[in-house]
Structures are given as structure tokens and as C-alpha cells.
C-alpha atoms as a PDB file:
ATOM      1  CA  MET A   1     -39.143 -17.990  50.541  1.00  0.00           C
ATOM      2  CA  SER A   2     -42.575 -18.573  49.066  1.00  0.00           C
ATOM      3  CA  ASN A   3     -44.024 -21.856  47.889  1.00  0.00           C
ATOM      4  CA  ALA A   4     -43.621 -22.798  44.251  1.00  0.00           C
ATOM      5  CA  ALA A   5     -46.606 -22.415  41.946  1.00  0.00           C
ATOM      6  CA  ASN A   6     -48.852 -25.426  41.540  1.00  0.00           C
ATOM      7  CA  LEU A   7     -48.131 -26.123  37.868  1.00  0.00           C
ATOM      8  CA  THR A   8     -51.292 -28.215  37.513  1.00  0.00           C
ATOM      9  CA  LYS A   9     -53.446 -25.110  38.081  1.00  0.00           C
ATOM     10  CA  PRO A  10     -52.283 -22.314  35.722  1.00  0.00           C
ATOM     11  CA  LYS A  11     -55.392 -20.246  36.399  1.00  0.00           C
ATOM     12  CA  TYR A  12     -53.791 -19.382  39.755  1.00  0.00           C
ATOM     13  CA  PHE A  13     -50.424 -18.256  38.323  1.00  0.00           C
ATOM     14  CA  LYS A  14     -49.676 -14.784  39.677  1.00  0.00           C
ATOM     15  CA  ARG A  15     -47.646 -13.667  36.649  1.00  0.00           C
ATOM     16  CA  GLY A  16     -50.071 -14.877  33.970  1.00  0.00           C
ATOM     17  CA  SER A  17     -50.915 -18.220  32.468  1.00  0.00           C
ATOM     18  CA  THR A  18     -50.554 -17.548  28.756  1.00  0.00           C
ATOM     19  CA  ASP A  19     -47.751 -19.377  26.989  1.00  0.00           C
ATOM     20  CA  ALA A  20     -45.925 -16.069  26.532  1.00  0.00           C
ATOM     21  CA  ALA A  21     -46.268 -15.168  30.231  1.00  0.00           C
ATOM     22  CA  ILE A  22     -44.921 -18.561  31.333  1.00  0.00           C
ATOM     23  CA  PHE A  23     -42.043 -18.265  28.839  1.00  0.00           C
ATOM     24  CA  ASN A  24     -41.258 -14.774  30.136  1.00  0.00           C
ATOM     25  CA  SER A  25     -41.283 -15.917  33.764  1.00  0.00           C
ATOM     26  CA  ILE A  26     -38.832 -18.719  33.015  1.00  0.00           C
ATOM     27  CA  GLN A  27     -36.503 -16.677  30.830  1.00  0.00           C
ATOM     28  CA  ASN A  28     -36.538 -13.415  32.807  1.00  0.00           C
ATOM     29  CA  GLY A  29     -37.261 -14.633  36.324  1.00  0.00           C
ATOM     30  CA  VAL A  30     -39.850 -13.509  38.845  1.00  0.00           C
ATOM     31  CA  GLY A  31     -38.884 -11.242  41.724  1.00  0.00           C
ATOM     32  CA  ASN A  32     -36.373 -12.680  44.168  1.00  0.00           C
ATOM     33  CA  GLY A  33     -37.910 -16.151  44.201  1.00  0.00           C
ATOM     34  CA  MET A  34     -37.079 -17.274  40.669  1.00  0.00           C
ATOM     35  CA  PRO A  35     -33.889 -16.093  38.995  1.00  0.00           C
ATOM     36  CA  PRO A  36     -33.738 -15.612  35.219  1.00  0.00           C
ATOM     37  CA  GLN A  37     -32.840 -18.737  33.274  1.00  0.00           C
ATOM     38  CA  LYS A  38     -32.146 -17.158  29.873  1.00  0.00           C
ATOM     39  CA  GLY A  39     -28.404 -17.687  30.306  1.00  0.00           C
ATOM     40  CA  ASP A  40     -28.880 -21.363  31.154  1.00  0.00           C
ATOM     41  CA  ILE A  41     -31.913 -22.514  29.164  1.00  0.00           C
ATOM     42  CA  THR A  42     -32.289 -21.867  25.441  1.00  0.00           C
ATOM     43  CA  PRO A  43     -35.520 -20.332  24.143  1.00  0.00           C
ATOM     44  CA  GLU A  44     -36.256 -23.622  22.347  1.00  0.00           C
ATOM     45  CA  ASP A  45     -35.934 -25.589  25.594  1.00  0.00           C
ATOM     46  CA  THR A  46     -37.994 -22.975  27.420  1.00  0.00           C
ATOM     47  CA  TRP A  47     -40.837 -23.560  24.936  1.00  0.00           C
ATOM     48  CA  LYS A  48     -40.535 -27.292  25.691  1.00  0.00           C
ATOM     49  CA  ILE A  49     -40.944 -26.495  29.390  1.00  0.00           C
ATOM     50  CA  VAL A  50     -44.022 -24.395  28.581  1.00  0.00           C
ATOM     51  CA  ALA A  51     -45.438 -27.362  26.636  1.00  0.00           C
ATOM     52  CA  PHE A  52     -44.749 -29.640  29.615  1.00  0.00           C
ATOM     53  CA  ILE A  53     -46.523 -27.256  31.982  1.00  0.00           C
ATOM     54  CA  ARG A  54     -49.492 -27.262  29.608  1.00  0.00           C
ATOM     55  CA  SER A  55     -49.475 -31.075  29.584  1.00  0.00           C
ATOM     56  CA  ILE A  56     -49.956 -31.259  33.370  1.00  0.00           C
ATOM     57  CA  ASP A  57     -52.683 -28.600  33.541  1.00  0.00           C
ATOM     58  CA  SER A  58     -55.367 -30.317  35.642  1.00  0.00           C
ATOM     59  CA  SER A  59     -58.170 -28.385  33.950  1.00  0.00           C
ATOM     60  CA  ARG A  60     -57.216 -30.020  30.653  1.00  0.00           C
ATOM     61  CA  LEU A  61     -57.086 -33.564  31.992  1.00  0.00           C
ATOM     62  CA  GLN A  62     -59.801 -35.745  30.603  1.00  0.00           C
ATOM     63  CA  LYS A  63     -62.161 -36.972  33.275  1.00  0.00           C
ATOM     64  CA  PRO A  64     -62.883 -40.704  33.269  1.00  0.00           C
ATOM     65  CA  ALA A  65     -66.203 -41.781  31.810  1.00  0.00           C
ATOM     66  CA  SER A  66     -68.769 -42.686  34.417  1.00  0.00           C
ATOM     67  CA  HIS A  67     -69.930 -46.260  34.476  1.00  0.00           C
ATOM     68  CA  ILE A  68     -73.622 -46.972  34.396  1.00  0.00           C
END
């Protein structure tokens, strides 16, 4: 079994880092490592998961202001 993706670094996602690609990976699964969730998670909740993943994207985190 492979390691899970680091969700704070979407630029390294192997299946794409667009919102649509993340949605597709969750709903339809990825290979043998991640089964499809479309029977268990509604599309609306999947979009909420996509929004959460976006919220923890380390490249979007604001860096603290430097003190002089």
C-alpha cells in the first residue's frame, strides 16, 4: 500500500490538483489504493471535502510578517 497524498501540497498530486480532478478522485476512486466514494459521500459533501483540501494547501497559507 502506498502512502497517502500530502494534502497540504496539491502541486504534487499524481491525479491532478484542480477542483474537478480532486472531486473525481474522491467520487470515482484512484487505482487500488482509494476506492470510489460516490455511493457513500454525496456530491455536495464531496465539494465540501475539496474546499477543505484547498483550505489546508500550504502554498496558500499566508506567511507571517517579518518583524523589523
